[in-house]
Amino acid sequence: MTKLITNQPKVYEGNRGNFYNESFHIIKKLFDENDLQLADKIQIQSSHKFDRRNANVRGTCFPTRFSSDNETRHITISPSLNGENVENTIIALGVLAHEMVHTIEDCNNHGKLFKDNAEKIGLRGVPTSIGAILEGDKASVEFNNYIVTNVINALGCLPEKALLSLKSGKGSRTKKVICGACGHRNSATGQKLIEWSGNGAMGCNNCGEWSDNFEVFFDGATMPSTMLTDVQYEYCE
């Protein structure tokens, strides 16, 4: 992809929820320009999906029947989406735009009407994952340029480190944790790893060293390992 801007813009100073909500009002103008009527009440948050059918769900739009007032469409965008640069921000806002299309009347599914409406604003791909692409036809490039000009240049890039799910099964499954000081193999559940990574340190059962110098191995794998402090959060390169 040709660089859309020369200088890397700042990162948005608020949290992801605020970023998506501010971006929503800007992206909505694309829908207005194409005579696409969104739902009257839409609430947006960044949280891991409630849809358990697919572990790779990046966004979900819930019908009004899931709302306490039976009127609001709830959109959740996964916090595992990477941010902090232009390309990642375009992809993440493509996910938001995808979910916004679902709020249009008769677009709850991924049928022809949904796909046609998504393509009107420049999203591309198979219906279930249609979104922003970094290289494509004129309409998709125009979507990217719109995001850069009107969102990224105005607000900045998608903020914060991505929040990752544990890399294996249920959180109770035992993980191998190797002490960087003595090489002893400790073990811990996923829940304990989250607690320790949040505190930034743990103690080795062998040498008693209390630090963040531990490598975590998931499901008995020997490679790759993850540093304790990166179990839950890590930067996207």
Protein backbone atom coordinates (compact mmCIF):
# COMPACT_ATOMS: atom_id res chain seq x y z
CA MET A 1 0.00 0.00 0.00
CA THR A 2 1.26 3.46 -0.83
CA LYS A 3 1.73 5.49 2.33
CA LEU A 4 -1.43 7.46 2.86
CA ILE A 5 0.32 10.13 4.90
CA THR A 6 3.98 11.07 5.21
CA ASN A 7 4.25 11.55 8.96
CA GLN A 8 2.93 9.07 11.50
CA PRO A 9 0.09 10.88 13.28
CA LYS A 10 -0.37 10.99 17.02
CA VAL A 11 -2.23 8.25 18.86
CA TYR A 12 -5.66 9.18 20.23
CA GLU A 13 -5.29 10.26 23.86
CA GLY A 14 -8.50 8.70 25.19
CA ASN A 15 -9.51 5.05 25.42
CA ARG A 16 -10.74 2.81 22.62
CA GLY A 17 -14.39 3.16 23.52
CA ASN A 18 -14.23 6.94 23.18
CA PHE A 19 -12.22 6.64 19.96
CA TYR A 20 -14.80 4.38 18.33
CA ASN A 21 -17.67 6.60 19.43
CA GLU A 22 -16.04 9.73 18.02
CA SER A 23 -15.11 7.87 14.83
CA PHE A 24 -18.69 6.61 14.50
CA HIS A 25 -20.07 10.12 13.93
CA ILE A 26 -17.43 10.79 11.27
CA ILE A 27 -17.95 7.49 9.44
CA LYS A 28 -21.72 7.96 9.60
CA LYS A 29 -21.32 10.79 7.08
CA LEU A 30 -20.27 8.19 4.49
CA PHE A 31 -23.57 6.40 5.08
CA ASP A 32 -25.50 9.67 4.85
CA GLU A 33 -23.82 10.51 1.55
CA ASN A 34 -24.97 7.16 0.16
CA ASP A 35 -28.54 7.47 1.52
CA LEU A 36 -27.99 4.62 3.96
CA GLN A 37 -30.14 5.01 7.06
CA LEU A 38 -28.60 3.65 10.26
CA ALA A 39 -30.60 2.68 13.33
CA ASP A 40 -31.71 5.59 15.48
CA LYS A 41 -30.14 4.27 18.68
CA ILE A 42 -26.67 2.73 18.55
CA GLN A 43 -24.32 2.09 21.45
CA ILE A 44 -20.66 1.21 20.86
CA GLN A 45 -18.08 -0.36 23.16
CA SER A 46 -14.77 -2.15 22.86
CA SER A 47 -14.98 -5.53 24.53
CA HIS A 48 -14.40 -9.18 23.74
CA LYS A 49 -17.26 -10.68 21.79
CA PHE A 50 -20.23 -12.37 23.37
CA ASP A 51 -20.62 -14.47 20.23
CA ARG A 52 -18.99 -17.78 21.16
CA ARG A 53 -19.49 -19.41 17.75
CA ASN A 54 -16.19 -18.11 16.41
CA ALA A 55 -13.09 -17.31 18.45
CA ASN A 56 -11.94 -14.89 15.75
CA VAL A 57 -14.97 -12.58 15.82
CA ARG A 58 -13.68 -9.00 15.57
CA GLY A 59 -16.99 -7.22 15.92
CA THR A 60 -20.61 -7.97 16.74
CA CYS A 61 -23.84 -6.04 16.22
CA PHE A 62 -26.65 -7.16 18.49
CA PRO A 63 -30.32 -6.90 17.45
CA THR A 64 -32.58 -4.70 19.57
CA ARG A 65 -34.05 -7.72 21.36
CA PHE A 66 -30.77 -8.00 23.29
CA SER A 67 -31.13 -4.45 24.62
CA SER A 68 -32.94 -3.62 27.86
CA ASP A 69 -35.01 -0.97 26.06
CA ASN A 70 -35.68 -3.16 22.98
CA GLU A 71 -34.65 -0.19 20.83
CA THR A 72 -30.86 0.14 20.98
CA ARG A 73 -28.44 -1.65 18.65
CA HIS A 74 -25.28 -2.58 20.57
CA ILE A 75 -21.99 -2.80 18.67
CA THR A 76 -18.94 -4.38 20.29
CA ILE A 77 -15.49 -4.17 18.71
CA SER A 78 -12.87 -6.63 19.91
CA PRO A 79 -10.01 -5.04 21.91
CA SER A 80 -7.68 -7.62 20.34
CA LEU A 81 -7.57 -5.50 17.16
CA ASN A 82 -4.17 -3.90 16.86
CA GLY A 83 -3.80 -0.13 16.83
CA GLU A 84 -1.31 2.70 17.10
CA ASN A 85 -0.51 3.05 13.40
CA VAL A 86 -2.36 4.11 10.25
CA GLU A 87 -2.85 0.70 8.63
CA ASN A 88 -4.12 -0.98 11.81
CA THR A 89 -6.49 1.91 12.48
CA ILE A 90 -7.97 1.67 8.98
CA ILE A 91 -8.60 -2.07 9.45
CA ALA A 92 -10.20 -1.53 12.88
CA LEU A 93 -12.48 1.21 11.57
CA GLY A 94 -13.42 -1.08 8.70
CA VAL A 95 -14.70 -3.49 11.35
CA LEU A 96 -16.70 -0.68 12.93
CA ALA A 97 -18.14 0.28 9.53
CA HIS A 98 -19.07 -3.38 8.90
CA GLU A 99 -21.05 -3.48 12.15
CA MET A 100 -22.68 -0.13 11.36
CA VAL A 101 -24.00 -1.64 8.11
CA HIS A 102 -25.74 -4.30 10.20
CA THR A 103 -27.87 -1.59 11.83
CA ILE A 104 -29.47 -0.72 8.48
CA GLU A 105 -32.96 -2.16 8.10
CA ASP A 106 -32.97 -5.77 6.81
CA CYS A 107 -29.16 -6.04 7.13
CA ASN A 108 -28.99 -8.23 10.23
CA ASN A 109 -27.51 -11.07 8.20
CA HIS A 110 -24.73 -11.18 5.60
CA GLY A 111 -27.05 -11.38 2.62
CA LYS A 112 -27.02 -9.52 -0.69
CA LEU A 113 -28.51 -6.29 0.68
CA PHE A 114 -25.90 -6.18 3.44
CA LYS A 115 -23.08 -6.76 0.95
CA ASP A 116 -24.41 -4.17 -1.51
CA ASN A 117 -24.66 -1.53 1.21
CA ALA A 118 -21.20 -2.32 2.59
CA GLU A 119 -19.70 -2.00 -0.87
CA LYS A 120 -21.34 1.40 -1.38
CA ILE A 121 -19.07 2.91 1.27
CA GLY A 122 -15.94 1.12 0.04
CA LEU A 123 -15.77 -2.06 2.10
CA ARG A 124 -14.56 -5.15 0.27
CA GLY A 125 -14.33 -8.93 0.79
CA VAL A 126 -16.61 -11.87 1.45
CA PRO A 127 -19.79 -10.79 3.30
CA THR A 128 -18.94 -12.34 6.66
CA SER A 129 -15.64 -10.44 6.92
CA ILE A 130 -16.15 -7.56 4.50
CA GLY A 131 -14.18 -4.54 5.65
CA ALA A 132 -11.39 -2.12 4.81
CA ILE A 133 -8.60 -3.43 2.58
CA LEU A 134 -5.28 -1.65 2.26
CA GLU A 135 -5.02 -2.12 -1.51
CA GLY A 136 -8.01 -2.30 -3.79
CA ASP A 137 -10.26 -0.55 -6.25
CA LYS A 138 -11.13 3.13 -6.36
CA ALA A 139 -13.95 2.89 -3.80
CA SER A 140 -11.86 1.04 -1.24
CA VAL A 141 -9.00 3.53 -1.63
CA GLU A 142 -11.48 6.37 -1.19
CA PHE A 143 -12.68 4.77 2.06
CA ASN A 144 -9.10 4.58 3.33
CA ASN A 145 -8.38 8.17 2.34
CA TYR A 146 -11.58 9.28 4.05
CA ILE A 147 -10.51 7.54 7.26
CA VAL A 148 -7.05 9.10 7.15
CA THR A 149 -8.27 12.60 6.31
CA ASN A 150 -11.30 12.78 8.57
CA VAL A 151 -10.53 10.42 11.45
CA ILE A 152 -6.80 9.82 11.83
CA ASN A 153 -5.68 13.36 10.99
CA ALA A 154 -8.36 14.75 13.28
CA LEU A 155 -8.36 12.31 16.21
CA GLY A 156 -5.20 10.24 15.85
CA CYS A 157 -4.73 6.49 15.57
CA LEU A 158 -6.55 3.76 17.48
CA PRO A 159 -5.05 3.90 21.00
CA GLU A 160 -3.75 1.48 23.60
CA LYS A 161 -2.18 -1.91 23.53
CA ALA A 162 -4.31 -4.73 22.17
CA LEU A 163 -5.98 -6.92 24.78
CA LEU A 164 -5.32 -10.53 23.90
CA SER A 165 -7.15 -13.63 24.98
CA LEU A 166 -5.08 -16.40 26.55
CA LYS A 167 -3.58 -18.47 23.77
CA SER A 168 -5.05 -21.78 24.84
CA GLY A 169 -8.30 -23.34 25.94
CA LYS A 170 -9.90 -22.61 29.25
CA GLY A 171 -8.16 -20.33 31.71
CA SER A 172 -7.91 -23.17 34.24
CA ARG A 173 -5.57 -25.18 32.01
CA THR A 174 -2.05 -25.47 33.42
CA LYS A 175 0.66 -23.42 31.73
CA LYS A 176 4.44 -23.92 31.91
CA VAL A 177 6.31 -20.94 33.38
CA ILE A 178 10.11 -20.91 33.22
CA CYS A 179 12.08 -18.77 35.69
CA GLY A 180 14.65 -16.58 33.94
CA ALA A 181 16.91 -16.59 37.01
CA CYS A 182 17.29 -20.32 37.66
CA GLY A 183 15.49 -22.06 34.77
CA HIS A 184 13.06 -23.88 37.07
CA ARG A 185 9.78 -24.99 35.55
CA ASN A 186 6.89 -23.54 37.51
CA SER A 187 3.25 -24.12 36.62
CA ALA A 188 0.19 -21.91 36.89
CA THR A 189 -3.38 -21.63 35.70
CA GLY A 190 -4.44 -19.04 33.18
CA GLN A 191 -6.21 -17.06 35.89
CA LYS A 192 -3.02 -16.85 37.97
CA LEU A 193 -1.02 -15.75 34.93
CA ILE A 194 -3.46 -12.91 34.34
CA GLU A 195 -3.14 -11.84 37.99
CA TRP A 196 0.66 -12.01 37.92
CA SER A 197 0.97 -10.23 34.59
CA GLY A 198 -1.26 -7.49 35.97
CA ASN A 199 0.98 -7.13 39.01
CA GLY A 200 4.09 -7.30 36.83
CA ALA A 201 5.83 -10.06 38.79
CA MET A 202 5.63 -13.53 40.35
CA GLY A 203 7.82 -15.64 42.63
CA CYS A 204 9.71 -18.76 41.55
CA ASN A 205 8.97 -21.88 43.59
CA ASN A 206 12.63 -22.93 43.36
CA CYS A 207 14.87 -19.88 43.87
CA GLY A 208 12.29 -17.56 45.34
CA GLU A 209 13.16 -14.81 42.86
CA TRP A 210 10.26 -12.33 42.60
CA SER A 211 10.35 -10.59 39.22
CA ASP A 212 8.80 -10.35 35.76
CA ASN A 213 11.59 -12.49 34.27
CA PHE A 214 9.48 -15.52 33.42
CA GLU A 215 8.70 -17.14 30.07
CA VAL A 216 5.21 -18.60 29.66
CA PHE A 217 4.56 -21.62 27.44
CA PHE A 218 1.00 -22.52 26.46
CA ASP A 219 -0.32 -26.09 26.03
CA GLY A 220 3.10 -27.62 26.64
CA ALA A 221 4.58 -26.03 23.52
CA THR A 222 8.31 -25.36 23.53
CA MET A 223 8.08 -22.44 21.13
CA PRO A 224 7.21 -19.67 21.01
CA SER A 225 7.16 -18.43 24.56
CA THR A 226 5.60 -15.26 25.90
CA MET A 227 7.07 -13.04 28.59
CA LEU A 228 4.97 -12.84 31.73
CA THR A 229 4.30 -9.13 31.26
CA ASP A 230 2.98 -9.82 27.74
CA VAL A 231 0.48 -12.53 28.64
CA GLN A 232 -2.46 -10.13 28.56
CA TYR A 233 -1.18 -7.03 26.79
CA GLU A 234 1.32 -6.49 24.02
CA TYR A 235 2.12 -3.87 21.42
CA CYS A 236 1.49 -4.52 17.75
CA GLU A 237 4.51 -3.87 15.56
